[in-house]
Protein backbone atom coordinates (compact mmCIF):
# COMPACT_ATOMS: atom_id res chain seq x y z
CA UNK A 1 -77.62 -20.53 -13.44
CA UNK A 2 -76.84 -19.29 -9.97
CA UNK A 3 -73.85 -17.26 -8.80
CA UNK A 4 -72.01 -20.33 -7.50
CA UNK A 5 -71.95 -21.89 -10.95
CA UNK A 6 -70.14 -18.81 -12.32
CA UNK A 7 -67.53 -18.56 -9.55
CA UNK A 8 -64.85 -20.84 -11.08
CA UNK A 9 -64.91 -18.82 -14.31
CA UNK A 10 -64.87 -15.55 -12.37
CA UNK A 11 -61.87 -16.70 -10.35
CA UNK A 12 -59.99 -17.76 -13.47
CA UNK A 13 -60.62 -14.37 -15.08
CA UNK A 14 -59.57 -12.56 -11.91
CA UNK A 15 -56.40 -14.63 -11.69
CA UNK A 16 -55.53 -13.86 -15.32
CA UNK A 17 -56.14 -10.14 -14.82
CA UNK A 18 -54.05 -10.14 -11.64
CA UNK A 19 -51.17 -11.88 -13.38
CA UNK A 20 -51.37 -9.50 -16.31
CA UNK A 21 -51.37 -6.53 -13.96
CA UNK A 22 -48.37 -7.81 -12.05
CA UNK A 23 -46.50 -8.50 -15.27
CA UNK A 24 -47.22 -4.95 -16.43
CA UNK A 25 -46.00 -3.49 -13.14
CA UNK A 26 -42.85 -5.60 -13.19
CA UNK A 27 -42.20 -4.59 -16.78
CA UNK A 28 -42.64 -0.93 -15.91
CA UNK A 29 -40.29 -1.29 -12.92
CA UNK A 30 -37.69 -2.94 -15.11
CA UNK A 31 -37.98 -0.24 -17.73
CA UNK A 32 -37.63 2.44 -15.06
CA UNK A 33 -34.49 0.76 -13.66
CA UNK A 34 -32.92 0.86 -17.12
CA UNK A 35 -33.54 4.55 -17.67
CA UNK A 36 -30.41 6.72 -17.98
CA UNK A 37 -29.18 8.31 -14.77
CA UNK A 38 -30.37 11.89 -14.25
CA UNK A 39 -29.05 12.53 -10.72
CA UNK A 40 -25.30 13.00 -10.54
CA UNK A 41 -22.74 14.10 -7.99
CA UNK A 42 -21.89 17.82 -8.04
CA UNK A 43 -19.13 18.94 -10.38
CA UNK A 44 -15.85 20.38 -9.14
CA UNK A 45 -14.83 20.25 -5.49
CA UNK A 46 -16.71 23.18 -3.99
CA UNK A 47 -19.23 20.99 -2.18
CA UNK A 48 -19.39 18.95 1.01
CA UNK A 49 -19.91 15.34 1.94
CA UNK A 50 -20.03 13.35 5.19
CA UNK A 51 -20.29 9.76 6.38
CA UNK A 52 -22.22 8.51 9.40
CA UNK A 53 -22.72 4.82 10.16
CA UNK A 54 -24.43 5.56 13.47
CA UNK A 55 -28.12 4.95 14.10
CA UNK A 56 -28.99 8.52 15.15
CA UNK A 57 -27.75 10.91 12.50
CA UNK A 58 -28.22 14.52 13.59
CA UNK A 59 -30.53 16.21 11.03
CA UNK A 60 -29.13 19.66 11.83
CA UNK A 61 -25.65 18.47 10.89
CA UNK A 62 -26.75 16.23 8.02
CA UNK A 63 -28.57 19.00 6.19
CA UNK A 64 -25.34 20.97 5.85
CA UNK A 65 -24.03 18.46 3.30
CA UNK A 66 -24.55 17.79 -0.39
CA UNK A 67 -23.83 14.05 -0.09
CA UNK A 68 -24.35 11.70 2.85
CA UNK A 69 -22.98 8.16 3.14
CA UNK A 70 -25.16 6.27 5.62
CA UNK A 71 -25.65 2.76 7.00
CA UNK A 72 -28.89 1.69 5.27
CA UNK A 73 -29.79 -1.05 7.74
CA UNK A 74 -30.71 1.49 10.42
CA UNK A 75 -34.43 2.26 10.51
CA UNK A 76 -34.58 5.94 9.64
CA UNK A 77 -36.36 8.52 7.53
CA UNK A 78 -34.13 10.07 4.89
CA UNK A 79 -36.23 13.17 4.26
CA UNK A 80 -35.23 14.97 7.48
CA UNK A 81 -31.56 14.37 6.68
CA UNK A 82 -31.47 15.61 3.09
CA UNK A 83 -31.77 19.27 2.30
CA UNK A 84 -33.30 20.08 -1.11
CA UNK A 85 -31.08 18.75 -3.86
CA UNK A 86 -28.85 16.75 -1.50
CA UNK A 87 -28.09 13.07 -2.03
CA UNK A 88 -27.81 10.04 0.25
CA UNK A 89 -26.11 6.78 -0.66
CA UNK A 90 -26.12 3.55 1.33
CA UNK A 91 -23.08 1.68 2.58
CA UNK A 92 -22.37 -1.81 1.27
CA UNK A 93 -19.29 -3.95 1.86
CA UNK A 94 -18.30 -6.23 -1.02
CA UNK A 95 -14.94 -7.53 0.20
CA UNK A 96 -15.99 -8.70 3.65
CA UNK A 97 -19.08 -9.50 5.68
CA UNK A 98 -19.72 -8.80 9.35
CA UNK A 99 -21.15 -11.71 11.30
CA UNK A 100 -24.02 -9.51 12.52
CA UNK A 101 -25.42 -9.27 9.01
CA UNK A 102 -28.50 -11.52 8.66
CA UNK A 103 -27.12 -13.20 5.54
CA UNK A 104 -23.68 -14.01 6.99
CA UNK A 105 -24.55 -17.50 8.24
CA UNK A 106 -25.99 -18.69 4.93
CA UNK A 107 -22.97 -17.29 3.05
CA UNK A 108 -20.62 -19.15 5.36
CA UNK A 109 -22.56 -22.39 4.82
CA UNK A 110 -22.33 -21.87 1.05
CA UNK A 111 -18.54 -21.43 1.27
CA UNK A 112 -18.62 -17.79 0.16
CA UNK A 113 -16.79 -16.48 3.25
CA UNK A 114 -13.09 -16.90 3.97
CA UNK A 115 -10.78 -15.99 6.88
CA UNK A 116 -11.49 -13.31 9.46
CA UNK A 117 -10.11 -9.81 9.02
CA UNK A 118 -7.32 -9.48 11.64
CA UNK A 119 -8.16 -5.83 12.28
CA UNK A 120 -11.90 -6.47 12.49
CA UNK A 121 -12.33 -10.01 13.90
CA UNK A 122 -16.12 -9.84 13.61
CA UNK A 123 -15.81 -9.63 9.82
CA UNK A 124 -14.79 -12.34 7.36
CA UNK A 125 -13.35 -11.82 3.91
CA UNK A 126 -15.82 -12.51 1.10
CA UNK A 127 -14.99 -14.53 -1.99
CA UNK A 128 -15.93 -12.07 -4.71
CA UNK A 129 -15.83 -14.88 -7.26
CA UNK A 130 -18.49 -16.94 -5.48
CA UNK A 131 -21.88 -17.00 -7.29
CA UNK A 132 -23.78 -17.10 -4.00
CA UNK A 133 -22.22 -13.82 -2.82
CA UNK A 134 -22.63 -12.15 -6.20
CA UNK A 135 -26.31 -13.13 -6.33
CA UNK A 136 -26.85 -11.80 -2.79
CA UNK A 137 -25.44 -8.43 -3.82
CA UNK A 138 -27.22 -8.07 -7.15
CA UNK A 139 -30.56 -9.64 -6.29
CA UNK A 140 -31.07 -8.58 -2.67
CA UNK A 141 -28.67 -6.12 -1.08
CA UNK A 142 -28.44 -3.38 -3.70
CA UNK A 143 -32.17 -3.54 -4.56
CA UNK A 144 -32.99 -3.26 -0.83
CA UNK A 145 -30.85 -0.12 -0.49
CA UNK A 146 -32.45 1.51 -3.49
CA UNK A 147 -35.95 0.54 -2.27
CA UNK A 148 -35.31 2.47 0.96
CA UNK A 149 -35.00 5.70 -1.00
CA UNK A 150 -31.23 6.03 -1.33
CA UNK A 151 -29.78 7.60 -4.46
CA UNK A 152 -27.12 4.94 -4.81
CA UNK A 153 -24.45 2.97 -2.98
CA UNK A 154 -21.06 3.45 -1.38
CA UNK A 155 -18.92 0.33 -1.94
CA UNK A 156 -16.37 -0.52 0.74
CA UNK A 157 -13.60 -3.13 1.25
CA UNK A 158 -12.69 -3.57 -2.42
CA UNK A 159 -9.00 -3.48 -1.45
CA UNK A 160 -9.50 -6.96 -0.01
CA UNK A 161 -9.61 -8.36 -3.53
CA UNK A 162 -6.04 -7.26 -4.22
CA UNK A 163 -4.81 -8.28 -0.78
CA UNK A 164 -6.25 -11.78 -1.10
CA UNK A 165 -4.97 -12.35 -4.62
CA UNK A 166 -1.47 -11.15 -3.77
CA UNK A 167 -1.34 -13.30 -0.62
CA UNK A 168 -2.42 -16.42 -2.54
CA UNK A 169 -1.94 -15.91 -6.31
CA UNK A 170 -3.07 -19.45 -7.09
CA UNK A 171 -5.88 -20.09 -4.64
CA UNK A 172 -7.28 -16.58 -4.96
CA UNK A 173 -6.58 -16.05 -8.66
CA UNK A 174 -9.10 -13.83 -10.41
CA UNK A 175 -10.25 -12.01 -7.27
CA UNK A 176 -9.43 -8.55 -8.67
CA UNK A 177 -11.19 -9.24 -11.97
CA UNK A 178 -14.17 -10.63 -10.08
CA UNK A 179 -14.40 -7.46 -8.00
CA UNK A 180 -14.26 -5.31 -11.14
CA UNK A 181 -16.88 -7.37 -12.93
CA UNK A 182 -19.17 -7.15 -9.90
CA UNK A 183 -18.95 -3.35 -9.81
CA UNK A 184 -19.72 -3.22 -13.51
CA UNK A 185 -22.62 -5.65 -13.03
CA UNK A 186 -24.10 -3.34 -10.39
CA UNK A 187 -23.74 -0.39 -12.78
CA UNK A 188 -25.42 -2.33 -15.59
CA UNK A 189 -28.24 -3.64 -13.39
CA UNK A 190 -28.91 -0.28 -11.68
CA UNK A 191 -27.90 2.46 -14.14
CA UNK A 192 -29.84 5.12 -12.21
CA UNK A 193 -27.82 4.48 -9.02
CA UNK A 194 -24.91 6.68 -8.00
CA UNK A 195 -21.87 4.49 -7.30
CA UNK A 196 -18.93 5.63 -5.18
CA UNK A 197 -16.15 3.18 -4.31
CA UNK A 198 -13.60 3.31 -1.52
CA UNK A 199 -10.08 2.99 -2.90
CA UNK A 200 -10.03 -0.30 -4.85
CA UNK A 201 -7.03 0.98 -6.79
CA UNK A 202 -6.14 -2.40 -8.34
CA UNK A 203 -9.48 -2.54 -10.13
CA UNK A 204 -10.11 1.20 -10.51
CA UNK A 205 -8.79 1.39 -14.11
CA UNK A 206 -11.30 -1.34 -15.00
CA UNK A 207 -14.33 0.43 -13.51
CA UNK A 208 -13.60 4.19 -13.56
CA UNK A 209 -16.01 4.73 -16.44
CA UNK A 210 -18.81 2.86 -14.61
CA UNK A 211 -18.79 4.79 -11.32
CA UNK A 212 -19.50 8.34 -10.16
CA UNK A 213 -16.90 8.83 -7.46
CA UNK A 214 -13.90 7.30 -5.73
CA UNK A 215 -12.78 7.86 -2.16
CA UNK A 216 -9.17 8.08 -1.04
CA UNK A 217 -9.41 6.84 2.55
CA UNK A 218 -6.66 7.77 5.01
CA UNK A 219 -5.02 10.18 2.58
CA UNK A 220 -2.87 12.16 5.00
CA UNK A 221 -3.74 10.57 8.34
CA UNK A 222 -4.86 7.21 9.68
CA UNK A 223 -5.77 5.29 12.80
CA UNK A 224 -2.77 3.29 14.02
CA UNK A 225 -4.12 -0.03 15.35
CA UNK A 226 -0.82 -0.80 17.10
CA UNK A 227 -0.51 2.45 19.04
CA UNK A 228 -4.27 3.11 19.11
CA UNK A 229 -3.77 6.71 18.07
CA UNK A 230 -4.10 8.93 15.01
CA UNK A 231 -0.96 9.21 12.87
CA UNK A 232 0.13 11.52 10.11
CA UNK A 233 1.24 9.75 6.95
CA UNK A 234 4.22 10.71 4.81
CA UNK A 235 3.99 12.95 1.78
CA UNK A 236 4.92 9.92 -0.33
CA UNK A 237 1.91 8.02 1.03
CA UNK A 238 -0.36 10.93 0.17
CA UNK A 239 1.15 11.27 -3.29
CA UNK A 240 0.68 7.54 -3.99
CA UNK A 241 -3.05 7.82 -3.51
CA UNK A 242 -3.35 11.19 -5.22
CA UNK A 243 -1.74 9.82 -8.38
CA UNK A 244 -4.21 6.94 -8.54
CA UNK A 245 -7.19 9.18 -7.96
CA UNK A 246 -6.07 11.53 -10.73
CA UNK A 247 -5.38 8.63 -13.08
CA UNK A 248 -8.96 7.47 -12.62
CA UNK A 249 -10.24 10.96 -13.37
CA UNK A 250 -8.22 10.97 -16.56
CA UNK A 251 -10.27 7.94 -17.61
CA UNK A 252 -13.56 9.49 -16.49
CA UNK A 253 -13.38 13.31 -16.29
CA UNK A 254 -16.78 13.42 -14.55
CA UNK A 255 -15.48 11.32 -11.65
CA UNK A 256 -15.73 12.96 -8.22
CA UNK A 257 -12.58 12.57 -6.09
CA UNK A 258 -13.36 12.38 -2.37
CA UNK A 259 -10.96 12.02 0.57
CA UNK A 260 -11.40 10.82 4.14
CA UNK A 261 -8.91 11.51 6.91
CA UNK A 262 -9.08 10.37 10.53
CA UNK A 263 -8.11 12.79 13.27
CA UNK A 264 -8.67 13.72 16.89
CA UNK A 265 -11.84 15.87 16.97
CA UNK A 266 -10.41 17.88 19.87
CA UNK A 267 -7.70 19.20 17.55
CA UNK A 268 -9.70 21.66 15.43
CA UNK A 269 -6.57 23.26 13.99
CA UNK A 270 -5.29 19.89 12.80
CA UNK A 271 -8.62 19.04 11.16
CA UNK A 272 -8.77 22.47 9.54
CA UNK A 273 -5.32 21.93 8.03
CA UNK A 274 -6.40 18.58 6.58
CA UNK A 275 -9.45 20.12 4.90
CA UNK A 276 -7.31 22.90 3.47
CA UNK A 277 -4.70 20.53 2.07
CA UNK A 278 -7.18 18.23 0.34
CA UNK A 279 -9.22 21.06 -1.16
CA UNK A 280 -6.09 22.73 -2.49
CA UNK A 281 -5.31 19.47 -4.32
CA UNK A 282 -8.75 19.47 -5.97
CA UNK A 283 -10.37 16.86 -3.74
CA UNK A 284 -13.64 16.91 -1.75
CA UNK A 285 -12.56 16.22 1.86
CA UNK A 286 -14.12 14.96 5.06
CA UNK A 287 -12.39 14.45 8.43
CA UNK A 288 -13.80 12.19 11.13
CA UNK A 289 -13.03 9.57 13.79
CA UNK A 290 -12.35 5.91 13.08
CA UNK A 291 -15.80 4.74 14.21
CA UNK A 292 -17.56 7.03 11.71
CA UNK A 293 -20.54 6.87 14.05
CA UNK A 294 -21.56 10.53 13.90
CA UNK A 295 -21.15 13.58 11.69
CA UNK A 296 -18.31 15.82 12.77
CA UNK A 297 -18.88 19.32 11.34
CA UNK A 298 -15.95 20.96 9.66
CA UNK A 299 -14.19 23.50 11.91
CA UNK A 300 -14.74 27.11 10.78
CA UNK A 301 -12.27 28.08 8.10
């Protein structure tokens, strides 16, 4: 018999071996994803973190930090930005979607997007209960971030769940619980990933044991959209957030408590005072501008 007569059998054997090999690789990948987390955030508050959503993060600045929060959609190499032992986590918004995101149009068609955010008109609130949005997060967005070499994710806009449910208790019922269940689903699906959430105080008691850190954004200062300037907040405002951060840590003692304040970078003394206040309270602070488009080094102490 010639070679041609054996080709169908050869191809069938090759196809079976290929399928078996792929199944083995997929099984190994799944087993790896389910391994217990070994990389954790540093303990205590004697460490530094920074956030930069810009496309050109300065390596000289970035390598001064133990934790970086970055926009993962920018094409970049992480190695030059991370000093040995440092971590980088990728930004993901769960409570709203910017129209520039490649998946925004299909989500809108599926009915997973709601009204526009009045402060950010290019973003629409996301229905955290919608199966299409939840599948996008669990099956595509988080895996893509992890595949790019990030150590985990930074979850933003979770406060939208509470705002939507309070504004429409009937039509938006279950939004807070849906947000909490989605965070827990991410933790269960990607147990090796570091998870830090921004505020999300309404659902924080439900997820504190499933995350690694929580950020108190605009603790002592904020950007005032009406006056287009940086404002100092009252001591009561600061205390309100501090109590919720500490309550979460009581649930999970290993939880890292981060803070983010917005301030004029020309006022080094003001920024220095913000760092001092947050550290004295036991938090891990960072001070930047509203755009968060570059790393602003901490003024010398």
